[in-house]
PDB file of N, CA and C in Angstrom:
ATOM      1  N   MET A   1      -8.815  -3.201 -16.612  1.00  0.00           N
ATOM      2  CA  MET A   1      -7.903  -2.671 -15.623  1.00  0.00           C
ATOM      3  C   MET A   1      -7.325  -3.841 -14.823  1.00  0.00           C
ATOM      4  N   PRO A   2      -6.001  -3.860 -14.605  1.00  0.00           N
ATOM      5  CA  PRO A   2      -5.392  -4.969 -13.866  1.00  0.00           C
ATOM      6  C   PRO A   2      -5.942  -5.088 -12.447  1.00  0.00           C
ATOM      7  N   GLU A   3      -6.121  -6.317 -12.001  1.00  0.00           N
ATOM      8  CA  GLU A   3      -6.683  -6.582 -10.674  1.00  0.00           C
ATOM      9  C   GLU A   3      -5.891  -5.934  -9.534  1.00  0.00           C
ATOM     10  N   PRO A   4      -4.552  -6.002  -9.530  1.00  0.00           N
ATOM     11  CA  PRO A   4      -3.849  -5.380  -8.398  1.00  0.00           C
ATOM     12  C   PRO A   4      -4.145  -3.890  -8.260  1.00  0.00           C
ATOM     13  N   ILE A   5      -4.308  -3.206  -9.373  1.00  0.00           N
ATOM     14  CA  ILE A   5      -4.595  -1.770  -9.326  1.00  0.00           C
ATOM     15  C   ILE A   5      -5.948  -1.519  -8.675  1.00  0.00           C
ATOM     16  N   MET A   6      -6.961  -2.300  -9.026  1.00  0.00           N
ATOM     17  CA  MET A   6      -8.287  -2.118  -8.415  1.00  0.00           C
ATOM     18  C   MET A   6      -8.244  -2.442  -6.926  1.00  0.00           C
ATOM     19  N   THR A   7      -7.492  -3.455  -6.555  1.00  0.00           N
ATOM     20  CA  THR A   7      -7.353  -3.783  -5.140  1.00  0.00           C
ATOM     21  C   THR A   7      -6.703  -2.627  -4.397  1.00  0.00           C
ATOM     22  N   MET A   8      -5.645  -2.077  -4.970  1.00  0.00           N
ATOM     23  CA  MET A   8      -4.971  -0.941  -4.332  1.00  0.00           C
ATOM     24  C   MET A   8      -5.895   0.262  -4.233  1.00  0.00           C
ATOM     25  N   ALA A   9      -6.669   0.511  -5.269  1.00  0.00           N
ATOM     26  CA  ALA A   9      -7.610   1.635  -5.242  1.00  0.00           C
ATOM     27  C   ALA A   9      -8.630   1.451  -4.128  1.00  0.00           C
ATOM     28  N   ALA A  10      -9.170   0.250  -4.001  1.00  0.00           N
ATOM     29  CA  ALA A  10     -10.166  -0.015  -2.958  1.00  0.00           C
ATOM     30  C   ALA A  10      -9.557   0.129  -1.572  1.00  0.00           C
ATOM     31  N   VAL A  11      -8.345  -0.357  -1.400  1.00  0.00           N
ATOM     32  CA  VAL A  11      -7.687  -0.251  -0.093  1.00  0.00           C
ATOM     33  C   VAL A  11      -7.370   1.203   0.227  1.00  0.00           C
ATOM     34  N   LEU A  12      -6.879   1.959  -0.745  1.00  0.00           N
ATOM     35  CA  LEU A  12      -6.610   3.376  -0.503  1.00  0.00           C
ATOM     36  C   LEU A  12      -7.880   4.110  -0.099  1.00  0.00           C
ATOM     37  N   ALA A  13      -8.976   3.797  -0.751  1.00  0.00           N
ATOM     38  CA  ALA A  13     -10.239   4.479  -0.449  1.00  0.00           C
ATOM     39  C   ALA A  13     -10.763   4.113   0.934  1.00  0.00           C
ATOM     40  N   THR A  14     -10.628   2.857   1.327  1.00  0.00           N
ATOM     41  CA  THR A  14     -11.236   2.416   2.588  1.00  0.00           C
ATOM     42  C   THR A  14     -10.318   2.515   3.796  1.00  0.00           C
ATOM     43  N   ARG A  15      -9.011   2.523   3.579  1.00  0.00           N
ATOM     44  CA  ARG A  15      -8.088   2.507   4.721  1.00  0.00           C
ATOM     45  C   ARG A  15      -7.169   3.723   4.771  1.00  0.00           C
ATOM     46  N   ALA A  16      -7.544   4.796   4.134  1.00  0.00           N
ATOM     47  CA  ALA A  16      -6.687   5.979   4.057  1.00  0.00           C
ATOM     48  C   ALA A  16      -6.380   6.569   5.424  1.00  0.00           C
ATOM     49  N   THR A  17      -7.235   6.341   6.397  1.00  0.00           N
ATOM     50  CA  THR A  17      -7.030   6.930   7.718  1.00  0.00           C
ATOM     51  C   THR A  17      -6.256   6.026   8.665  1.00  0.00           C
ATOM     52  N   THR A  18      -5.933   4.814   8.258  1.00  0.00           N
ATOM     53  CA  THR A  18      -5.155   3.931   9.128  1.00  0.00           C
ATOM     54  C   THR A  18      -3.691   4.347   9.101  1.00  0.00           C
ATOM     55  N   ALA A  19      -2.978   3.996  10.146  1.00  0.00           N
ATOM     56  CA  ALA A  19      -1.561   4.366  10.218  1.00  0.00           C
ATOM     57  C   ALA A  19      -0.779   3.780   9.049  1.00  0.00           C
ATOM     58  N   ALA A  20      -1.016   2.525   8.748  1.00  0.00           N
ATOM     59  CA  ALA A  20      -0.240   1.855   7.704  1.00  0.00           C
ATOM     60  C   ALA A  20      -0.504   2.437   6.321  1.00  0.00           C
ATOM     61  N   PHE A  21      -1.763   2.655   5.984  1.00  0.00           N
ATOM     62  CA  PHE A  21      -2.092   3.105   4.631  1.00  0.00           C
ATOM     63  C   PHE A  21      -2.192   4.624   4.510  1.00  0.00           C
ATOM     64  N   GLY A  22      -2.221   5.333   5.631  1.00  0.00           N
ATOM     65  CA  GLY A  22      -2.259   6.791   5.575  1.00  0.00           C
ATOM     66  C   GLY A  22      -1.025   7.362   4.893  1.00  0.00           C
ATOM     67  N   GLY A  23       0.135   6.793   5.219  1.00  0.00           N
ATOM     68  CA  GLY A  23       1.378   7.242   4.592  1.00  0.00           C
ATOM     69  C   GLY A  23       1.390   6.963   3.102  1.00  0.00           C
ATOM     70  N   LEU A  24       0.902   5.796   2.722  1.00  0.00           N
ATOM     71  CA  LEU A  24       0.819   5.451   1.299  1.00  0.00           C
ATOM     72  C   LEU A  24      -0.118   6.416   0.583  1.00  0.00           C
ATOM     73  N   CYS A  25      -1.226   6.706   1.200  1.00  0.00           N
ATOM     74  CA  CYS A  25      -2.209   7.612   0.601  1.00  0.00           C
ATOM     75  C   CYS A  25      -1.608   9.012   0.409  1.00  0.00           C
ATOM     76  N   ARG A  26      -0.888   9.497   1.414  1.00  0.00           N
ATOM     77  CA  ARG A  26      -0.245  10.810   1.290  1.00  0.00           C
ATOM     78  C   ARG A  26       0.785  10.809   0.160  1.00  0.00           C
ATOM     79  N   TRP A  27       1.556   9.717   0.060  1.00  0.00           N
ATOM     80  CA  TRP A  27       2.561   9.625  -1.000  1.00  0.00           C
ATOM     81  C   TRP A  27       1.897   9.642  -2.376  1.00  0.00           C
ATOM     82  N   VAL A  28       0.832   8.856  -2.546  1.00  0.00           N
ATOM     83  CA  VAL A  28       0.116   8.824  -3.828  1.00  0.00           C
ATOM     84  C   VAL A  28      -0.396  10.220  -4.161  1.00  0.00           C
ATOM     85  N   LYS A  29      -0.963  10.888  -3.183  1.00  0.00           N
ATOM     86  CA  LYS A  29      -1.508  12.232  -3.410  1.00  0.00           C
ATOM     87  C   LYS A  29      -0.409  13.189  -3.874  1.00  0.00           C
ATOM     88  N   GLU A  30       0.774  13.076  -3.284  1.00  0.00           N
ATOM     89  CA  GLU A  30       1.894  13.938  -3.687  1.00  0.00           C
ATOM     90  C   GLU A  30       2.322  13.677  -5.129  1.00  0.00           C
ATOM     91  N   GLN A  31       2.157  12.454  -5.597  1.00  0.00           N
ATOM     92  CA  GLN A  31       2.573  12.091  -6.952  1.00  0.00           C
ATOM     93  C   GLN A  31       1.538  12.495  -7.998  1.00  0.00           C
ATOM     94  N   PHE A  32       0.294  12.615  -7.575  1.00  0.00           N
ATOM     95  CA  PHE A  32      -0.824  12.874  -8.487  1.00  0.00           C
ATOM     96  C   PHE A  32      -0.910  14.339  -8.901  1.00  0.00           C
ATOM     97  N   SER A  33      -1.507  14.554 -10.067  1.00  0.00           N
ATOM     98  CA  SER A  33      -1.864  15.899 -10.525  1.00  0.00           C
ATOM     99  C   SER A  33      -3.034  16.391  -9.664  1.00  0.00           C
ATOM    100  N   PRO A  34      -3.335  17.689  -9.699  1.00  0.00           N
ATOM    101  CA  PRO A  34      -4.482  18.184  -8.927  1.00  0.00           C
ATOM    102  C   PRO A  34      -5.797  17.480  -9.290  1.00  0.00           C
ATOM    103  N   GLU A  35      -5.984  17.167 -10.569  1.00  0.00           N
ATOM    104  CA  GLU A  35      -7.213  16.482 -10.982  1.00  0.00           C
ATOM    105  C   GLU A  35      -7.273  15.073 -10.384  1.00  0.00           C
ATOM    106  N   ALA A  36      -6.158  14.363 -10.432  1.00  0.00           N
ATOM    107  CA  ALA A  36      -6.112  13.011  -9.869  1.00  0.00           C
ATOM    108  C   ALA A  36      -6.239  13.052  -8.348  1.00  0.00           C
ATOM    109  N   GLN A  37      -5.698  14.098  -7.722  1.00  0.00           N
ATOM    110  CA  GLN A  37      -5.856  14.257  -6.274  1.00  0.00           C
ATOM    111  C   GLN A  37      -7.332  14.376  -5.904  1.00  0.00           C
ATOM    112  N   ALA A  38      -8.088  15.103  -6.724  1.00  0.00           N
ATOM    113  CA  ALA A  38      -9.527  15.249  -6.477  1.00  0.00           C
ATOM    114  C   ALA A  38     -10.230  13.896  -6.575  1.00  0.00           C
ATOM    115  N   VAL A  39      -9.803  13.054  -7.506  1.00  0.00           N
ATOM    116  CA  VAL A  39     -10.382  11.711  -7.652  1.00  0.00           C
ATOM    117  C   VAL A  39     -10.069  10.882  -6.410  1.00  0.00           C
ATOM    118  N   LEU A  40      -8.834  10.965  -5.927  1.00  0.00           N
ATOM    119  CA  LEU A  40      -8.438  10.249  -4.712  1.00  0.00           C
ATOM    120  C   LEU A  40      -9.278  10.702  -3.524  1.00  0.00           C
ATOM    121  N   GLU A  41      -9.416  12.007  -3.357  1.00  0.00           N
ATOM    122  CA  GLU A  41     -10.212  12.547  -2.246  1.00  0.00           C
ATOM    123  C   GLU A  41     -11.670  12.096  -2.335  1.00  0.00           C
ATOM    124  N   ALA A  42     -12.215  12.086  -3.536  1.00  0.00           N
ATOM    125  CA  ALA A  42     -13.610  11.658  -3.715  1.00  0.00           C
ATOM    126  C   ALA A  42     -13.785  10.195  -3.323  1.00  0.00           C
ATOM    127  N   ALA A  43     -12.816   9.350  -3.668  1.00  0.00           N
ATOM    128  CA  ALA A  43     -12.898   7.928  -3.309  1.00  0.00           C
ATOM    129  C   ALA A  43     -12.779   7.738  -1.804  1.00  0.00           C
ATOM    130  N   ILE A  44     -11.931   8.540  -1.166  1.00  0.00           N
ATOM    131  CA  ILE A  44     -11.780   8.448   0.288  1.00  0.00           C
ATOM    132  C   ILE A  44     -13.056   8.902   0.991  1.00  0.00           C
ATOM    133  N   GLU A  45     -13.692   9.941   0.461  1.00  0.00           N
ATOM    134  CA  GLU A  45     -14.926  10.459   1.064  1.00  0.00           C
ATOM    135  C   GLU A  45     -16.082   9.480   0.953  1.00  0.00           C
ATOM    136  N   ALA A  46     -16.102   8.673  -0.103  1.00  0.00           N
ATOM    137  CA  ALA A  46     -17.203   7.719  -0.310  1.00  0.00           C
ATOM    138  C   ALA A  46     -16.642   6.377  -0.791  1.00  0.00           C
ATOM    139  N   PRO A  47     -15.949   5.642   0.088  1.00  0.00           N
ATOM    140  CA  PRO A  47     -15.327   4.386  -0.344  1.00  0.00           C
ATOM    141  C   PRO A  47     -16.321   3.311  -0.782  1.00  0.00           C
ATOM    142  N   GLU A  48     -17.583   3.478  -0.398  1.00  0.00           N
ATOM    143  CA  GLU A  48     -18.605   2.508  -0.813  1.00  0.00           C
ATOM    144  C   GLU A  48     -19.100   2.767  -2.240  1.00  0.00           C
ATOM    145  N   ASP A  49     -18.731   3.907  -2.810  1.00  0.00           N
ATOM    146  CA  ASP A  49     -19.140   4.275  -4.165  1.00  0.00           C
ATOM    147  C   ASP A  49     -18.192   3.617  -5.173  1.00  0.00           C
ATOM    148  N   GLN A  50     -18.640   2.530  -5.767  1.00  0.00           N
ATOM    149  CA  GLN A  50     -17.801   1.745  -6.676  1.00  0.00           C
ATOM    150  C   GLN A  50     -17.292   2.574  -7.851  1.00  0.00           C
ATOM    151  N   ALA A  51     -18.095   3.487  -8.354  1.00  0.00           N
ATOM    152  CA  ALA A  51     -17.675   4.315  -9.491  1.00  0.00           C
ATOM    153  C   ALA A  51     -16.476   5.182  -9.116  1.00  0.00           C
ATOM    154  N   ARG A  52     -16.483   5.732  -7.902  1.00  0.00           N
ATOM    155  CA  ARG A  52     -15.350   6.559  -7.459  1.00  0.00           C
ATOM    156  C   ARG A  52     -14.082   5.717  -7.292  1.00  0.00           C
ATOM    157  N   VAL A  53     -14.246   4.533  -6.742  1.00  0.00           N
ATOM    158  CA  VAL A  53     -13.094   3.644  -6.551  1.00  0.00           C
ATOM    159  C   VAL A  53     -12.535   3.213  -7.911  1.00  0.00           C
ATOM    160  N   GLU A  54     -13.410   2.917  -8.867  1.00  0.00           N
ATOM    161  CA  GLU A  54     -12.952   2.545 -10.209  1.00  0.00           C
ATOM    162  C   GLU A  54     -12.226   3.703 -10.885  1.00  0.00           C
ATOM    163  N   GLU A  55     -12.717   4.917 -10.688  1.00  0.00           N
ATOM    164  CA  GLU A  55     -12.042   6.087 -11.258  1.00  0.00           C
ATOM    165  C   GLU A  55     -10.657   6.251 -10.627  1.00  0.00           C
ATOM    166  N   LEU A  56     -10.551   6.008  -9.332  1.00  0.00           N
ATOM    167  CA  LEU A  56      -9.242   6.046  -8.682  1.00  0.00           C
ATOM    168  C   LEU A  56      -8.330   4.976  -9.279  1.00  0.00           C
ATOM    169  N   GLY A  57      -8.863   3.805  -9.530  1.00  0.00           N
ATOM    170  CA  GLY A  57      -8.086   2.747 -10.171  1.00  0.00           C
ATOM    171  C   GLY A  57      -7.571   3.176 -11.534  1.00  0.00           C
ATOM    172  N   ARG A  58      -8.413   3.861 -12.299  1.00  0.00           N
ATOM    173  CA  ARG A  58      -7.982   4.351 -13.616  1.00  0.00           C
ATOM    174  C   ARG A  58      -6.868   5.395 -13.473  1.00  0.00           C
ATOM    175  N   GLU A  59      -6.975   6.254 -12.458  1.00  0.00           N
ATOM    176  CA  GLU A  59      -5.921   7.258 -12.224  1.00  0.00           C
ATOM    177  C   GLU A  59      -4.609   6.587 -11.834  1.00  0.00           C
ATOM    178  N   LEU A  60      -4.681   5.571 -10.989  1.00  0.00           N
ATOM    179  CA  LEU A  60      -3.474   4.833 -10.614  1.00  0.00           C
ATOM    180  C   LEU A  60      -2.853   4.173 -11.840  1.00  0.00           C
ATOM    181  N   GLU A  61      -3.702   3.595 -12.676  1.00  0.00           N
ATOM    182  CA  GLU A  61      -3.225   2.931 -13.892  1.00  0.00           C
ATOM    183  C   GLU A  61      -2.573   3.938 -14.842  1.00  0.00           C
ATOM    184  N   ARG A  62      -3.201   5.102 -15.016  1.00  0.00           N
ATOM    185  CA  ARG A  62      -2.628   6.141 -15.886  1.00  0.00           C
ATOM    186  C   ARG A  62      -1.267   6.599 -15.358  1.00  0.00           C
ATOM    187  N   ALA A  63      -1.205   6.813 -14.050  1.00  0.00           N
ATOM    188  CA  ALA A  63       0.055   7.267 -13.451  1.00  0.00           C
ATOM    189  C   ALA A  63       1.148   6.221 -13.617  1.00  0.00           C
ATOM    190  N   GLU A  64       0.771   4.965 -13.486  1.00  0.00           N
ATOM    191  CA  GLU A  64       1.728   3.872 -13.638  1.00  0.00           C
ATOM    192  C   GLU A  64       2.222   3.768 -15.085  1.00  0.00           C
ATOM    193  N   GLN A  65       1.333   3.944 -16.040  1.00  0.00           N
ATOM    194  CA  GLN A  65       1.726   3.880 -17.452  1.00  0.00           C
ATOM    195  C   GLN A  65       2.614   5.059 -17.830  1.00  0.00           C
ATOM    196  N   ALA A  66       2.326   6.221 -17.254  1.00  0.00           N
ATOM    197  CA  ALA A  66       3.125   7.407 -17.552  1.00  0.00           C
ATOM    198  C   ALA A  66       4.496   7.347 -16.889  1.00  0.00           C
ATOM    199  N   ASP A  67       4.574   6.681 -15.738  1.00  0.00           N
ATOM    200  CA  ASP A  67       5.822   6.620 -14.977  1.00  0.00           C
ATOM    201  C   ASP A  67       5.965   5.243 -14.336  1.00  0.00           C
ATOM    202  N   PRO A  68       6.649   4.326 -15.013  1.00  0.00           N
ATOM    203  CA  PRO A  68       6.809   2.973 -14.463  1.00  0.00           C
ATOM    204  C   PRO A  68       7.452   2.957 -13.074  1.00  0.00           C
ATOM    205  N   GLU A  69       8.290   3.938 -12.785  1.00  0.00           N
ATOM    206  CA  GLU A  69       8.900   4.009 -11.447  1.00  0.00           C
ATOM    207  C   GLU A  69       7.825   4.262 -10.388  1.00  0.00           C
ATOM    208  N   PHE A  70       6.831   5.074 -10.725  1.00  0.00           N
ATOM    209  CA  PHE A  70       5.702   5.275  -9.814  1.00  0.00           C
ATOM    210  C   PHE A  70       5.024   3.937  -9.530  1.00  0.00           C
ATOM    211  N   GLY A  71       4.786   3.160 -10.566  1.00  0.00           N
ATOM    212  CA  GLY A  71       4.142   1.860 -10.399  1.00  0.00           C
ATOM    213  C   GLY A  71       4.953   0.923  -9.527  1.00  0.00           C
ATOM    214  N   ARG A  72       6.262   0.916  -9.734  1.00  0.00           N
ATOM    215  CA  ARG A  72       7.126   0.057  -8.920  1.00  0.00           C
ATOM    216  C   ARG A  72       7.069   0.472  -7.453  1.00  0.00           C
ATOM    217  N   GLN A  73       7.188   1.780  -7.215  1.00  0.00           N
ATOM    218  CA  GLN A  73       7.145   2.268  -5.837  1.00  0.00           C
ATOM    219  C   GLN A  73       5.770   2.072  -5.208  1.00  0.00           C
ATOM    220  N   LEU A  74       4.725   2.249  -5.993  1.00  0.00           N
ATOM    221  CA  LEU A  74       3.372   2.044  -5.479  1.00  0.00           C
ATOM    222  C   LEU A  74       3.214   0.621  -4.961  1.00  0.00           C
ATOM    223  N   ARG A  75       3.626  -0.341  -5.754  1.00  0.00           N
ATOM    224  CA  ARG A  75       3.503  -1.748  -5.348  1.00  0.00           C
ATOM    225  C   ARG A  75       4.368  -2.062  -4.129  1.00  0.00           C
ATOM    226  N   GLU A  76       5.578  -1.526  -4.114  1.00  0.00           N
ATOM    227  CA  GLU A  76       6.479  -1.752  -2.984  1.00  0.00           C
ATOM    228  C   GLU A  76       5.895  -1.151  -1.700  1.00  0.00           C
ATOM    229  N   ARG A  77       5.434   0.071  -1.780  1.00  0.00           N
ATOM    230  CA  ARG A  77       4.862   0.738  -0.605  1.00  0.00           C
ATOM    231  C   ARG A  77       3.558   0.074  -0.172  1.00  0.00           C
ATOM    232  N   TYR A  78       2.778  -0.378  -1.131  1.00  0.00           N
ATOM    233  CA  TYR A  78       1.529  -1.077  -0.810  1.00  0.00           C
ATOM    234  C   TYR A  78       1.829  -2.359  -0.034  1.00  0.00           C
ATOM    235  N   GLU A  79       2.788  -3.132  -0.515  1.00  0.00           N
ATOM    236  CA  GLU A  79       3.150  -4.384   0.164  1.00  0.00           C
ATOM    237  C   GLU A  79       3.663  -4.107   1.570  1.00  0.00           C
ATOM    238  N   ARG A  80       4.473  -3.071   1.719  1.00  0.00           N
ATOM    239  CA  ARG A  80       4.992  -2.714   3.039  1.00  0.00           C
ATOM    240  C   ARG A  80       3.849  -2.328   3.980  1.00  0.00           C
ATOM    241  N   ALA A  81       2.917  -1.531   3.495  1.00  0.00           N
ATOM    242  CA  ALA A  81       1.769  -1.135   4.321  1.00  0.00           C
ATOM    243  C   ALA A  81       0.907  -2.341   4.659  1.00  0.00           C
ATOM    244  N   ASN A  82       0.751  -3.244   3.726  1.00  0.00           N
ATOM    245  CA  ASN A  82      -0.053  -4.443   3.950  1.00  0.00           C
ATOM    246  C   ASN A  82       0.568  -5.314   5.037  1.00  0.00           C
ATOM    247  N   VAL A  83       1.888  -5.422   5.052  1.00  0.00           N
ATOM    248  CA  VAL A  83       2.575  -6.180   6.100  1.00  0.00           C
ATOM    249  C   VAL A  83       2.331  -5.524   7.448  1.00  0.00           C
ATOM    250  N   GLU A  84       2.373  -4.186   7.509  1.00  0.00           N
ATOM    251  CA  GLU A  84       2.127  -3.483   8.768  1.00  0.00           C
ATOM    252  C   GLU A  84       0.739  -3.788   9.302  1.00  0.00           C
ATOM    253  N   ILE A  85      -0.253  -3.847   8.425  1.00  0.00           N
ATOM    254  CA  ILE A  85      -1.618  -4.152   8.847  1.00  0.00           C
ATOM    255  C   ILE A  85      -1.676  -5.530   9.481  1.00  0.00           C
ATOM    256  N   HIS A  86      -1.060  -6.511   8.852  1.00  0.00           N
ATOM    257  CA  HIS A  86      -1.091  -7.870   9.388  1.00  0.00           C
ATOM    258  C   HIS A  86      -0.328  -7.960  10.701  1.00  0.00           C
ATOM    259  N   ALA A  87       0.768  -7.225  10.828  1.00  0.00           N
ATOM    260  CA  ALA A  87       1.548  -7.258  12.055  1.00  0.00           C
ATOM    261  C   ALA A  87       0.801  -6.579  13.195  1.00  0.00           C
ATOM    262  N   ASP A  88      -0.052  -5.624  12.894  1.00  0.00           N
ATOM    263  CA  ASP A  88      -0.818  -4.933  13.929  1.00  0.00           C
ATOM    264  C   ASP A  88      -1.770  -5.858  14.661  1.00  0.00           C
ATOM    265  N   ASN A  89      -2.127  -6.960  14.065  1.00  0.00           N
ATOM    266  CA  ASN A  89      -3.099  -7.860  14.677  1.00  0.00           C
ATOM    267  C   ASN A  89      -2.461  -8.844  15.645  1.00  0.00           C
ATOM    268  N   GLY A  90      -1.259  -8.548  16.144  1.00  0.00           N
ATOM    269  CA  GLY A  90      -0.616  -9.399  17.123  1.00  0.00           C
ATOM    270  C   GLY A  90       0.184 -10.539  16.541  1.00  0.00           C
ATOM    271  N   SER A  91       0.313 -10.587  15.244  1.00  0.00           N
ATOM    272  CA  SER A  91       1.081 -11.651  14.610  1.00  0.00           C
ATOM    273  C   SER A  91       2.498 -11.156  14.340  1.00  0.00           C
ATOM    274  N   VAL A  92       3.269 -11.977  13.730  1.00  0.00           N
ATOM    275  CA  VAL A  92       4.632 -11.622  13.364  1.00  0.00           C
ATOM    276  C   VAL A  92       4.687 -11.495  11.852  1.00  0.00           C
ATOM    277  N   ALA A  93       5.300 -10.435  11.372  1.00  0.00           N
ATOM    278  CA  ALA A  93       5.449 -10.250   9.931  1.00  0.00           C
ATOM    279  C   ALA A  93       6.856  -9.756   9.651  1.00  0.00           C
ATOM    280  N   SER A  94       7.531 -10.415   8.757  1.00  0.00           N
ATOM    281  CA  SER A  94       8.864  -9.993   8.342  1.00  0.00           C
ATOM    282  C   SER A  94       8.824  -9.681   6.860  1.00  0.00           C
ATOM    283  N   GLN A  95       9.523  -8.629   6.506  1.00  0.00           N
ATOM    284  CA  GLN A  95       9.620  -8.298   5.093  1.00  0.00           C
ATOM    285  C   GLN A  95      11.080  -8.016   4.795  1.00  0.00           C
ATOM    286  N   ILE A  96      11.640  -8.805   3.925  1.00  0.00           N
ATOM    287  CA  ILE A  96      13.035  -8.655   3.549  1.00  0.00           C
ATOM    288  C   ILE A  96      13.063  -8.395   2.054  1.00  0.00           C
ATOM    289  N   SER A  97      13.735  -7.334   1.668  1.00  0.00           N
ATOM    290  CA  SER A  97      13.807  -7.032   0.244  1.00  0.00           C
ATOM    291  C   SER A  97      15.177  -6.474  -0.081  1.00  0.00           C
ATOM    292  N   GLY A  98      15.445  -6.408  -1.335  1.00  0.00           N
ATOM    293  CA  GLY A  98      16.720  -5.876  -1.769  1.00  0.00           C
ATOM    294  C   GLY A  98      17.786  -6.953  -1.812  1.00  0.00           C
ATOM    295  N   ASN A  99      19.016  -6.522  -1.826  1.00  0.00           N
ATOM    296  CA  ASN A  99      20.154  -7.422  -1.931  1.00  0.00           C
ATOM    297  C   ASN A  99      20.652  -7.729  -0.525  1.00  0.00           C
ATOM    298  N   VAL A 100      20.186  -8.805   0.064  1.00  0.00           N
ATOM    299  CA  VAL A 100      20.532  -9.142   1.445  1.00  0.00           C
ATOM    300  C   VAL A 100      21.096 -10.549   1.527  1.00  0.00           C
ATOM    301  N   SER A 101      21.822 -10.807   2.600  1.00  0.00           N
ATOM    302  CA  SER A 101      22.312 -12.156   2.863  1.00  0.00           C
ATOM    303  C   SER A 101      22.414 -12.325   4.369  1.00  0.00           C
ATOM    304  N   GLY A 102      22.497 -13.548   4.805  1.00  0.00           N
ATOM    305  CA  GLY A 102      22.610 -13.803   6.233  1.00  0.00           C
ATOM    306  C   GLY A 102      21.429 -14.583   6.746  1.00  0.00           C
ATOM    307  N   LYS A 103      21.422 -14.754   8.045  1.00  0.00           N
ATOM    308  CA  LYS A 103      20.387 -15.559   8.686  1.00  0.00           C
ATOM    309  C   LYS A 103      19.252 -14.669   9.171  1.00  0.00           C
ATOM    310  N   VAL A 104      18.060 -15.234   9.146  1.00  0.00           N
ATOM    311  CA  VAL A 104      16.872 -14.507   9.583  1.00  0.00           C
ATOM    312  C   VAL A 104      16.062 -15.412  10.492  1.00  0.00           C
ATOM    313  N   ILE A 105      15.550 -14.832  11.550  1.00  0.00           N
ATOM    314  CA  ILE A 105      14.628 -15.557  12.423  1.00  0.00           C
ATOM    315  C   ILE A 105      13.334 -14.773  12.456  1.00  0.00           C
ATOM    316  N   GLN A 106      12.255 -15.472  12.335  1.00  0.00           N
ATOM    317  CA  GLN A 106      10.951 -14.855  12.533  1.00  0.00           C
ATOM    318  C   GLN A 106      10.308 -15.560  13.709  1.00  0.00           C
ATOM    319  N   ALA A 107      10.023 -14.800  14.733  1.00  0.00           N
ATOM    320  CA  ALA A 107       9.451 -15.385  15.940  1.00  0.00           C
ATOM    321  C   ALA A 107       8.598 -14.350  16.641  1.00  0.00           C
ATOM    322  N   ARG A 108       7.855 -14.800  17.595  1.00  0.00           N
ATOM    323  CA  ARG A 108       7.013 -13.880  18.336  1.00  0.00           C
ATOM    324  C   ARG A 108       7.409 -13.838  19.800  1.00  0.00           C
ATOM    325  N   ASP A 109       7.104 -14.828  20.557  1.00  0.00           N
ATOM    326  CA  ASP A 109       7.381 -14.827  21.994  1.00  0.00           C
ATOM    327  C   ASP A 109       8.586 -15.715  22.273  1.00  0.00           C
ATOM    328  N   ILE A 110       9.725 -15.096  22.501  1.00  0.00           N
ATOM    329  CA  ILE A 110      10.956 -15.841  22.747  1.00  0.00           C
ATOM    330  C   ILE A 110      11.369 -15.631  24.193  1.00  0.00           C
ATOM    331  N   THR A 111      11.688 -16.720  24.846  1.00  0.00           N
ATOM    332  CA  THR A 111      12.248 -16.661  26.184  1.00  0.00           C
ATOM    333  C   THR A 111      13.610 -17.328  26.112  1.00  0.00           C
ATOM    334  N   GLY A 112      14.632 -16.621  26.461  1.00  0.00           N
ATOM    335  CA  GLY A 112      15.970 -17.195  26.396  1.00  0.00           C
ATOM    336  C   GLY A 112      16.733 -16.696  25.193  1.00  0.00           C
ATOM    337  N   ASN A 113      17.841 -17.338  24.933  1.00  0.00           N
ATOM    338  CA  ASN A 113      18.757 -16.919  23.870  1.00  0.00           C
ATOM    339  C   ASN A 113      18.438 -17.594  22.545  1.00  0.00           C
ATOM    340  N   ILE A 114      18.928 -16.977  21.503  1.00  0.00           N
ATOM    341  CA  ILE A 114      18.874 -17.572  20.169  1.00  0.00           C
ATOM    342  C   ILE A 114      20.314 -17.696  19.695  1.00  0.00           C
ATOM    343  N   THR A 115      20.678 -18.873  19.232  1.00  0.00           N
ATOM    344  CA  THR A 115      22.032 -19.111  18.761  1.00  0.00           C
ATOM    345  C   THR A 115      21.976 -19.738  17.378  1.00  0.00           C
ATOM    346  N   PHE A 116      22.857 -19.274  16.507  1.00  0.00           N
ATOM    347  CA  PHE A 116      22.961 -19.876  15.177  1.00  0.00           C
ATOM    348  C   PHE A 116      24.137 -20.810  15.169  1.00  0.00           C
TER     349      PHE A 116
END
């Protein structure tokens, strides 16, 4: 099983109740079949149970193989949620994606004006 999938499974199981990953977890649940939803719920109920987390990883992998768009969105949403977690700790996090151009500033405590 690919490493990113297992990482995502472990994070979904352990952080499903956080603001950042709760939305991702709800989205995954909406995409899953009832059987896969039960696997997700079981992993959330016992995130320390490695077998449950591995089964969730297998469900994520199956869903990704059946629907590559699901896999693309899963990774995109996971990265977005991960940035939110890091930004919650008082740091600055910027995420720019898609077809963009122009100037970007990443800063935290600014006093005064910014001029380009």
